[in-house]
mmCIF file of all heavy atoms, coordinates in Angstrom:
data_MODEL
# 
_entry.id   MODEL 
# 
loop_
_atom_site.group_PDB 
_atom_site.id 
_atom_site.type_symbol 
_atom_site.label_atom_id 
_atom_site.label_alt_id 
_atom_site.label_comp_id 
_atom_site.label_asym_id 
_atom_site.label_entity_id 
_atom_site.label_seq_id 
_atom_site.pdbx_PDB_ins_code 
_atom_site.Cartn_x 
_atom_site.Cartn_y 
_atom_site.Cartn_z 
_atom_site.occupancy 
_atom_site.B_iso_or_equiv 
_atom_site.pdbx_formal_charge 
_atom_site.auth_seq_id 
_atom_site.auth_comp_id 
_atom_site.auth_asym_id 
_atom_site.auth_atom_id 
_atom_site.pdbx_PDB_model_num 
ATOM 1   N N   . ASP A 1 1  ? 0.829  -1.203 0.000   1.00 0.00 ? 1  ASP A N   1 
ATOM 2   C CA  . ASP A 1 1  ? 0.000  0.000  0.000   1.00 0.00 ? 1  ASP A CA  1 
ATOM 3   C C   . ASP A 1 1  ? 0.862  1.252  0.000   1.00 0.00 ? 1  ASP A C   1 
ATOM 4   O O   . ASP A 1 1  ? 0.399  2.333  -0.362  1.00 0.00 ? 1  ASP A O   1 
ATOM 5   C CB  . ASP A 1 1  ? -0.914 0.018  1.233   1.00 0.00 ? 1  ASP A CB  1 
ATOM 6   C CG  . ASP A 1 1  ? -1.832 -1.184 1.283   1.00 0.00 ? 1  ASP A CG  1 
ATOM 7   O OD1 . ASP A 1 1  ? -2.672 -1.302 0.371   1.00 0.00 ? 1  ASP A OD1 1 
ATOM 8   O OD2 . ASP A 1 1  ? -1.698 -2.004 2.216   1.00 0.00 ? 1  ASP A OD2 1 
ATOM 9   N N   . VAL A 1 2  ? 2.116  1.120  0.450   1.00 0.00 ? 2  VAL A N   1 
ATOM 10  C CA  . VAL A 1 2  ? 3.081  2.220  0.487   1.00 0.00 ? 2  VAL A CA  1 
ATOM 11  C C   . VAL A 1 2  ? 4.447  1.650  0.128   1.00 0.00 ? 2  VAL A C   1 
ATOM 12  O O   . VAL A 1 2  ? 4.798  0.540  0.530   1.00 0.00 ? 2  VAL A O   1 
ATOM 13  C CB  . VAL A 1 2  ? 3.160  2.864  1.898   1.00 0.00 ? 2  VAL A CB  1 
ATOM 14  C CG1 . VAL A 1 2  ? 4.274  3.907  1.962   1.00 0.00 ? 2  VAL A CG1 1 
ATOM 15  C CG2 . VAL A 1 2  ? 1.836  3.492  2.287   1.00 0.00 ? 2  VAL A CG2 1 
ATOM 16  N N   . ILE A 1 3  ? 5.227  2.427  -0.631  1.00 0.00 ? 3  ILE A N   1 
ATOM 17  C CA  . ILE A 1 3  ? 6.628  2.088  -0.883  1.00 0.00 ? 3  ILE A CA  1 
ATOM 18  C C   . ILE A 1 3  ? 7.490  3.107  -0.154  1.00 0.00 ? 3  ILE A C   1 
ATOM 19  O O   . ILE A 1 3  ? 7.336  4.321  -0.344  1.00 0.00 ? 3  ILE A O   1 
ATOM 20  C CB  . ILE A 1 3  ? 6.952  2.083  -2.385  1.00 0.00 ? 3  ILE A CB  1 
ATOM 21  C CG1 . ILE A 1 3  ? 6.181  0.963  -3.088  1.00 0.00 ? 3  ILE A CG1 1 
ATOM 22  C CG2 . ILE A 1 3  ? 8.453  1.923  -2.622  1.00 0.00 ? 3  ILE A CG2 1 
ATOM 23  C CD1 . ILE A 1 3  ? 6.326  0.971  -4.599  1.00 0.00 ? 3  ILE A CD1 1 
ATOM 24  N N   . HIS A 1 4  ? 8.385  2.615  0.688   1.00 0.00 ? 4  HIS A N   1 
ATOM 25  C CA  . HIS A 1 4  ? 9.300  3.468  1.445   1.00 0.00 ? 4  HIS A CA  1 
ATOM 26  C C   . HIS A 1 4  ? 10.688 3.244  0.851   1.00 0.00 ? 4  HIS A C   1 
ATOM 27  O O   . HIS A 1 4  ? 11.320 2.220  1.097   1.00 0.00 ? 4  HIS A O   1 
ATOM 28  C CB  . HIS A 1 4  ? 9.257  3.090  2.929   1.00 0.00 ? 4  HIS A CB  1 
ATOM 29  C CG  . HIS A 1 4  ? 9.977  4.042  3.826   1.00 0.00 ? 4  HIS A CG  1 
ATOM 30  N ND1 . HIS A 1 4  ? 9.632  4.220  5.154   1.00 0.00 ? 4  HIS A ND1 1 
ATOM 31  C CD2 . HIS A 1 4  ? 11.032 4.867  3.626   1.00 0.00 ? 4  HIS A CD2 1 
ATOM 32  C CE1 . HIS A 1 4  ? 10.425 5.096  5.711   1.00 0.00 ? 4  HIS A CE1 1 
ATOM 33  N NE2 . HIS A 1 4  ? 11.305 5.502  4.799   1.00 0.00 ? 4  HIS A NE2 1 
ATOM 34  N N   . ALA A 1 5  ? 11.148 4.206  0.044   1.00 0.00 ? 5  ALA A N   1 
ATOM 35  C CA  . ALA A 1 5  ? 12.415 4.070  -0.672  1.00 0.00 ? 5  ALA A CA  1 
ATOM 36  C C   . ALA A 1 5  ? 13.508 4.837  0.064   1.00 0.00 ? 5  ALA A C   1 
ATOM 37  O O   . ALA A 1 5  ? 13.334 6.010  0.403   1.00 0.00 ? 5  ALA A O   1 
ATOM 38  C CB  . ALA A 1 5  ? 12.276 4.584  -2.100  1.00 0.00 ? 5  ALA A CB  1 
ATOM 39  N N   . HIS A 1 6  ? 14.635 4.171  0.282   1.00 0.00 ? 6  HIS A N   1 
ATOM 40  C CA  . HIS A 1 6  ? 15.719 4.745  1.063   1.00 0.00 ? 6  HIS A CA  1 
ATOM 41  C C   . HIS A 1 6  ? 16.852 5.210  0.145   1.00 0.00 ? 6  HIS A C   1 
ATOM 42  O O   . HIS A 1 6  ? 17.459 4.410  -0.555  1.00 0.00 ? 6  HIS A O   1 
ATOM 43  C CB  . HIS A 1 6  ? 16.222 3.714  2.079   1.00 0.00 ? 6  HIS A CB  1 
ATOM 44  C CG  . HIS A 1 6  ? 15.183 3.322  3.092   1.00 0.00 ? 6  HIS A CG  1 
ATOM 45  N ND1 . HIS A 1 6  ? 15.079 3.917  4.332   1.00 0.00 ? 6  HIS A ND1 1 
ATOM 46  C CD2 . HIS A 1 6  ? 14.171 2.432  3.025   1.00 0.00 ? 6  HIS A CD2 1 
ATOM 47  C CE1 . HIS A 1 6  ? 14.064 3.380  4.993   1.00 0.00 ? 6  HIS A CE1 1 
ATOM 48  N NE2 . HIS A 1 6  ? 13.494 2.479  4.220   1.00 0.00 ? 6  HIS A NE2 1 
ATOM 49  N N   . ASP A 1 7  ? 17.113 6.518  0.185   1.00 0.00 ? 7  ASP A N   1 
ATOM 50  C CA  . ASP A 1 7  ? 18.144 7.210  -0.581  1.00 0.00 ? 7  ASP A CA  1 
ATOM 51  C C   . ASP A 1 7  ? 17.690 7.529  -2.004  1.00 0.00 ? 7  ASP A C   1 
ATOM 52  O O   . ASP A 1 7  ? 16.649 7.077  -2.476  1.00 0.00 ? 7  ASP A O   1 
ATOM 53  C CB  . ASP A 1 7  ? 19.470 6.466  -0.550  1.00 0.00 ? 7  ASP A CB  1 
ATOM 54  C CG  . ASP A 1 7  ? 20.181 6.635  0.803   1.00 0.00 ? 7  ASP A CG  1 
ATOM 55  O OD1 . ASP A 1 7  ? 20.051 7.707  1.407   1.00 0.00 ? 7  ASP A OD1 1 
ATOM 56  O OD2 . ASP A 1 7  ? 20.866 5.697  1.235   1.00 0.00 ? 7  ASP A OD2 1 
ATOM 57  N N   . MET A 1 8  ? 18.508 8.377  -2.665  1.00 0.00 ? 8  MET A N   1 
ATOM 58  C CA  . MET A 1 8  ? 18.084 9.012  -3.906  1.00 0.00 ? 8  MET A CA  1 
ATOM 59  C C   . MET A 1 8  ? 17.970 8.038  -5.067  1.00 0.00 ? 8  MET A C   1 
ATOM 60  O O   . MET A 1 8  ? 16.991 8.065  -5.818  1.00 0.00 ? 8  MET A O   1 
ATOM 61  C CB  . MET A 1 8  ? 19.027 10.158 -4.259  1.00 0.00 ? 8  MET A CB  1 
ATOM 62  C CG  . MET A 1 8  ? 18.894 11.353 -3.347  1.00 0.00 ? 8  MET A CG  1 
ATOM 63  S SD  . MET A 1 8  ? 19.907 12.754 -3.881  1.00 0.00 ? 8  MET A SD  1 
ATOM 64  C CE  . MET A 1 8  ? 19.335 13.995 -2.708  1.00 0.00 ? 8  MET A CE  1 
ATOM 65  N N   . ARG A 1 9  ? 18.967 7.189  -5.242  1.00 0.00 ? 9  ARG A N   1 
ATOM 66  C CA  . ARG A 1 9  ? 18.942 6.272  -6.381  1.00 0.00 ? 9  ARG A CA  1 
ATOM 67  C C   . ARG A 1 9  ? 17.747 5.338  -6.292  1.00 0.00 ? 9  ARG A C   1 
ATOM 68  O O   . ARG A 1 9  ? 17.040 5.109  -7.284  1.00 0.00 ? 9  ARG A O   1 
ATOM 69  C CB  . ARG A 1 9  ? 20.244 5.472  -6.421  1.00 0.00 ? 9  ARG A CB  1 
ATOM 70  C CG  . ARG A 1 9  ? 20.327 4.511  -7.588  1.00 0.00 ? 9  ARG A CG  1 
ATOM 71  C CD  . ARG A 1 9  ? 21.704 3.878  -7.657  1.00 0.00 ? 9  ARG A CD  1 
ATOM 72  N NE  . ARG A 1 9  ? 21.836 3.030  -8.828  1.00 0.00 ? 9  ARG A NE  1 
ATOM 73  C CZ  . ARG A 1 9  ? 22.990 2.512  -9.246  1.00 0.00 ? 9  ARG A CZ  1 
ATOM 74  N NH1 . ARG A 1 9  ? 24.099 2.775  -8.598  1.00 0.00 ? 9  ARG A NH1 1 
ATOM 75  N NH2 . ARG A 1 9  ? 23.041 1.739  -10.323 1.00 0.00 ? 9  ARG A NH2 1 
ATOM 76  N N   . THR A 1 10 ? 17.504 4.801  -5.108  1.00 0.00 ? 10 THR A N   1 
ATOM 77  C CA  . THR A 1 10 ? 16.380 3.892  -4.925  1.00 0.00 ? 10 THR A CA  1 
ATOM 78  C C   . THR A 1 10 ? 15.054 4.613  -5.140  1.00 0.00 ? 10 THR A C   1 
ATOM 79  O O   . THR A 1 10 ? 14.132 4.059  -5.734  1.00 0.00 ? 10 THR A O   1 
ATOM 80  C CB  . THR A 1 10 ? 16.425 3.285  -3.512  1.00 0.00 ? 10 THR A CB  1 
ATOM 81  O OG1 . THR A 1 10 ? 17.712 2.714  -3.300  1.00 0.00 ? 10 THR A OG1 1 
ATOM 82  C CG2 . THR A 1 10 ? 15.365 2.234  -3.327  1.00 0.00 ? 10 THR A CG2 1 
ATOM 83  N N   . SER A 1 11 ? 14.971 5.837  -4.644  1.00 0.00 ? 11 SER A N   1 
ATOM 84  C CA  . SER A 1 11 ? 13.738 6.620  -4.818  1.00 0.00 ? 11 SER A CA  1 
ATOM 85  C C   . SER A 1 11 ? 13.458 6.868  -6.297  1.00 0.00 ? 11 SER A C   1 
ATOM 86  O O   . SER A 1 11 ? 12.299 6.827  -6.737  1.00 0.00 ? 11 SER A O   1 
ATOM 87  C CB  . SER A 1 11 ? 13.854 7.951  -4.071  1.00 0.00 ? 11 SER A CB  1 
ATOM 88  O OG  . SER A 1 11 ? 14.009 7.750  -2.684  1.00 0.00 ? 11 SER A OG  1 
ATOM 89  N N   . PHE A 1 12 ? 14.519 7.115  -7.065  1.00 0.00 ? 12 PHE A N   1 
ATOM 90  C CA  . PHE A 1 12 ? 14.364 7.332  -8.502  1.00 0.00 ? 12 PHE A CA  1 
ATOM 91  C C   . PHE A 1 12 ? 13.808 6.077  -9.183  1.00 0.00 ? 12 PHE A C   1 
ATOM 92  O O   . PHE A 1 12 ? 12.852 6.156  -9.966  1.00 0.00 ? 12 PHE A O   1 
ATOM 93  C CB  . PHE A 1 12 ? 15.706 7.715  -9.112  1.00 0.00 ? 12 PHE A CB  1 
ATOM 94  C CG  . PHE A 1 12 ? 15.725 7.732  -10.614 1.00 0.00 ? 12 PHE A CG  1 
ATOM 95  C CD1 . PHE A 1 12 ? 15.039 8.720  -11.319 1.00 0.00 ? 12 PHE A CD1 1 
ATOM 96  C CD2 . PHE A 1 12 ? 16.421 6.774  -11.325 1.00 0.00 ? 12 PHE A CD2 1 
ATOM 97  C CE1 . PHE A 1 12 ? 15.049 8.732  -12.714 1.00 0.00 ? 12 PHE A CE1 1 
ATOM 98  C CE2 . PHE A 1 12 ? 16.439 6.774  -12.709 1.00 0.00 ? 12 PHE A CE2 1 
ATOM 99  C CZ  . PHE A 1 12 ? 15.758 7.761  -13.404 1.00 0.00 ? 12 PHE A CZ  1 
ATOM 100 N N   . VAL A 1 13 ? 14.388 4.914  -8.874  1.00 0.00 ? 13 VAL A N   1 
ATOM 101 C CA  . VAL A 1 13 ? 13.900 3.662  -9.465  1.00 0.00 ? 13 VAL A CA  1 
ATOM 102 C C   . VAL A 1 13 ? 12.453 3.407  -9.062  1.00 0.00 ? 13 VAL A C   1 
ATOM 103 O O   . VAL A 1 13 ? 11.609 3.050  -9.897  1.00 0.00 ? 13 VAL A O   1 
ATOM 104 C CB  . VAL A 1 13 ? 14.794 2.481  -9.042  1.00 0.00 ? 13 VAL A CB  1 
ATOM 105 C CG1 . VAL A 1 13 ? 14.196 1.151  -9.522  1.00 0.00 ? 13 VAL A CG1 1 
ATOM 106 C CG2 . VAL A 1 13 ? 16.207 2.648  -9.597  1.00 0.00 ? 13 VAL A CG2 1 
ATOM 107 N N   . ALA A 1 14 ? 12.149 3.607  -7.770  1.00 0.00 ? 14 ALA A N   1 
ATOM 108 C CA  . ALA A 1 14 ? 10.780 3.374  -7.295  1.00 0.00 ? 14 ALA A CA  1 
ATOM 109 C C   . ALA A 1 14 ? 9.796  4.319  -7.963  1.00 0.00 ? 14 ALA A C   1 
ATOM 110 O O   . ALA A 1 14 ? 8.660  3.932  -8.278  1.00 0.00 ? 14 ALA A O   1 
ATOM 111 C CB  . ALA A 1 14 ? 10.724 3.532  -5.780  1.00 0.00 ? 14 ALA A CB  1 
ATOM 112 N N   . ALA A 1 15 ? 10.212 5.559  -8.192  1.00 0.00 ? 15 ALA A N   1 
ATOM 113 C CA  . ALA A 1 15 ? 9.320  6.539  -8.819  1.00 0.00 ? 15 ALA A CA  1 
ATOM 114 C C   . ALA A 1 15 ? 8.932  6.126  -10.235 1.00 0.00 ? 15 ALA A C   1 
ATOM 115 O O   . ALA A 1 15 ? 7.848  6.473  -10.717 1.00 0.00 ? 15 ALA A O   1 
ATOM 116 C CB  . ALA A 1 15 ? 9.991  7.907  -8.840  1.00 0.00 ? 15 ALA A CB  1 
ATOM 117 N N   . LEU A 1 16 ? 9.810  5.379  -10.907 1.00 0.00 ? 16 LEU A N   1 
ATOM 118 C CA  . LEU A 1 16 ? 9.544  4.975  -12.280 1.00 0.00 ? 16 LEU A CA  1 
ATOM 119 C C   . LEU A 1 16 ? 8.555  3.829  -12.391 1.00 0.00 ? 16 LEU A C   1 
ATOM 120 O O   . LEU A 1 16 ? 8.040  3.564  -13.480 1.00 0.00 ? 16 LEU A O   1 
ATOM 121 C CB  . LEU A 1 16 ? 10.856 4.584  -12.968 1.00 0.00 ? 16 LEU A CB  1 
ATOM 122 C CG  . LEU A 1 16 ? 11.906 5.690  -13.134 1.00 0.00 ? 16 LEU A CG  1 
ATOM 123 C CD1 . LEU A 1 16 ? 13.149 5.122  -13.802 1.00 0.00 ? 16 LEU A CD1 1 
ATOM 124 C CD2 . LEU A 1 16 ? 11.353 6.868  -13.938 1.00 0.00 ? 16 LEU A CD2 1 
ATOM 125 N N   . CYS A 1 17 ? 8.295  3.139  -11.272 1.00 0.00 ? 17 CYS A N   1 
ATOM 126 C CA  . CYS A 1 17 ? 7.463  1.936  -11.395 1.00 0.00 ? 17 CYS A CA  1 
ATOM 127 C C   . CYS A 1 17 ? 6.389  1.807  -10.318 1.00 0.00 ? 17 CYS A C   1 
ATOM 128 O O   . CYS A 1 17 ? 5.674  0.804  -10.287 1.00 0.00 ? 17 CYS A O   1 
ATOM 129 C CB  . CYS A 1 17 ? 8.343  0.687  -11.378 1.00 0.00 ? 17 CYS A CB  1 
ATOM 130 S SG  . CYS A 1 17 ? 9.207  0.402  -9.833  1.00 0.00 ? 17 CYS A SG  1 
ATOM 131 N N   . CYS A 1 18 ? 6.238  2.804  -9.448  1.00 0.00 ? 18 CYS A N   1 
ATOM 132 C CA  . CYS A 1 18 ? 5.287  2.643  -8.338  1.00 0.00 ? 18 CYS A CA  1 
ATOM 133 C C   . CYS A 1 18 ? 3.836  2.867  -8.738  1.00 0.00 ? 18 CYS A C   1 
ATOM 134 O O   . CYS A 1 18 ? 2.918  2.499  -8.004  1.00 0.00 ? 18 CYS A O   1 
ATOM 135 C CB  . CYS A 1 18 ? 5.657  3.563  -7.174  1.00 0.00 ? 18 CYS A CB  1 
ATOM 136 S SG  . CYS A 1 18 ? 5.615  5.327  -7.548  1.00 0.00 ? 18 CYS A SG  1 
ATOM 137 N N   . GLY A 1 19 ? 3.633  3.464  -9.914  1.00 0.00 ? 19 GLY A N   1 
ATOM 138 C CA  . GLY A 1 19 ? 2.259  3.675  -10.363 1.00 0.00 ? 19 GLY A CA  1 
ATOM 139 C C   . GLY A 1 19 ? 1.461  4.520  -9.385  1.00 0.00 ? 19 GLY A C   1 
ATOM 140 O O   . GLY A 1 19 ? 1.883  5.611  -9.003  1.00 0.00 ? 19 GLY A O   1 
ATOM 141 N N   . ARG A 1 20 ? 0.308  3.992  -8.940  1.00 0.00 ? 20 ARG A N   1 
ATOM 142 C CA  . ARG A 1 20 ? -0.543 4.744  -7.999  1.00 0.00 ? 20 ARG A CA  1 
ATOM 143 C C   . ARG A 1 20 ? -0.199 4.478  -6.540  1.00 0.00 ? 20 ARG A C   1 
ATOM 144 O O   . ARG A 1 20 ? -0.832 5.039  -5.648  1.00 0.00 ? 20 ARG A O   1 
ATOM 145 C CB  . ARG A 1 20 ? -2.007 4.377  -8.247  1.00 0.00 ? 20 ARG A CB  1 
ATOM 146 C CG  . ARG A 1 20 ? -2.522 4.817  -9.626  1.00 0.00 ? 20 ARG A CG  1 
ATOM 147 C CD  . ARG A 1 20 ? -4.001 4.498  -9.763  1.00 0.00 ? 20 ARG A CD  1 
ATOM 148 N NE  . ARG A 1 20 ? -4.519 4.933  -11.055 1.00 0.00 ? 20 ARG A NE  1 
ATOM 149 C CZ  . ARG A 1 20 ? -5.788 4.793  -11.439 1.00 0.00 ? 20 ARG A CZ  1 
ATOM 150 N NH1 . ARG A 1 20 ? -6.663 4.193  -10.620 1.00 0.00 ? 20 ARG A NH1 1 
ATOM 151 N NH2 . ARG A 1 20 ? -6.176 5.224  -12.621 1.00 0.00 ? 20 ARG A NH2 1 
ATOM 152 N N   . ILE A 1 21 ? 0.793  3.641  -6.309  1.00 0.00 ? 21 ILE A N   1 
ATOM 153 C CA  . ILE A 1 21 ? 1.178  3.344  -4.927  1.00 0.00 ? 21 ILE A CA  1 
ATOM 154 C C   . ILE A 1 21 ? 1.927  4.544  -4.352  1.00 0.00 ? 21 ILE A C   1 
ATOM 155 O O   . ILE A 1 21 ? 2.889  5.021  -4.964  1.00 0.00 ? 21 ILE A O   1 
ATOM 156 C CB  . ILE A 1 21 ? 2.075  2.095  -4.862  1.00 0.00 ? 21 ILE A CB  1 
ATOM 157 C CG1 . ILE A 1 21 ? 1.368  0.897  -5.487  1.00 0.00 ? 21 ILE A CG1 1 
ATOM 158 C CG2 . ILE A 1 21 ? 2.469  1.778  -3.409  1.00 0.00 ? 21 ILE A CG2 1 
ATOM 159 C CD1 . ILE A 1 21 ? 2.277  -0.302 -5.685  1.00 0.00 ? 21 ILE A CD1 1 
ATOM 160 N N   . PRO A 1 22 ? 1.526  5.060  -3.205  1.00 0.00 ? 22 PRO A N   1 
ATOM 161 C CA  . PRO A 1 22 ? 2.211  6.217  -2.619  1.00 0.00 ? 22 PRO A CA  1 
ATOM 162 C C   . PRO A 1 22 ? 3.680  5.908  -2.341  1.00 0.00 ? 22 PRO A C   1 
ATOM 163 O O   . PRO A 1 22 ? 4.019  4.836  -1.834  1.00 0.00 ? 22 PRO A O   1 
ATOM 164 C CB  . PRO A 1 22 ? 1.445  6.472  -1.319  1.00 0.00 ? 22 PRO A CB  1 
ATOM 165 C CG  . PRO A 1 22 ? 0.114  5.832  -1.518  1.00 0.00 ? 22 PRO A CG  1 
ATOM 166 C CD  . PRO A 1 22 ? 0.361  4.646  -2.402  1.00 0.00 ? 22 PRO A CD  1 
ATOM 167 N N   . LEU A 1 23 ? 4.534  6.863  -2.681  1.00 0.00 ? 23 LEU A N   1 
ATOM 168 C CA  . LEU A 1 23 ? 5.972  6.719  -2.483  1.00 0.00 ? 23 LEU A CA  1 
ATOM 169 C C   . LEU A 1 23 ? 6.436  7.656  -1.372  1.00 0.00 ? 23 LEU A C   1 
ATOM 170 O O   . LEU A 1 23 ? 6.178  8.855  -1.409  1.00 0.00 ? 23 LEU A O   1 
ATOM 171 C CB  . LEU A 1 23 ? 6.709  7.050  -3.780  1.00 0.00 ? 23 LEU A CB  1 
ATOM 172 C CG  . LEU A 1 23 ? 8.238  7.120  -3.715  1.00 0.00 ? 23 LEU A CG  1 
ATOM 173 C CD1 . LEU A 1 23 ? 8.823  5.739  -3.378  1.00 0.00 ? 23 LEU A CD1 1 
ATOM 174 C CD2 . LEU A 1 23 ? 8.812  7.644  -5.031  1.00 0.00 ? 23 LEU A CD2 1 
ATOM 175 N N   . ILE A 1 24 ? 7.118  7.093  -0.390  1.00 0.00 ? 24 ILE A N   1 
ATOM 176 C CA  . ILE A 1 24 ? 7.782  7.869  0.650   1.00 0.00 ? 24 ILE A CA  1 
ATOM 177 C C   . ILE A 1 24 ? 9.282  7.767  0.382   1.00 0.00 ? 24 ILE A C   1 
ATOM 178 O O   . ILE A 1 24 ? 9.822  6.659  0.287   1.00 0.00 ? 24 ILE A O   1 
ATOM 179 C CB  . ILE A 1 24 ? 7.480  7.326  2.071   1.00 0.00 ? 24 ILE A CB  1 
ATOM 180 C CG1 . ILE A 1 24 ? 5.971  7.191  2.292   1.00 0.00 ? 24 ILE A CG1 1 
ATOM 181 C CG2 . ILE A 1 24 ? 8.134  8.199  3.133   1.00 0.00 ? 24 ILE A CG2 1 
ATOM 182 C CD1 . ILE A 1 24 ? 5.205  8.481  2.181   1.00 0.00 ? 24 ILE A CD1 1 
# 
């Protein structure tokens, strides 16, 4: 229901594929 991405590189990858799932 939530993706918690740690650090910038991981956040970038998560942002490209999280769709409608909220990203922290």
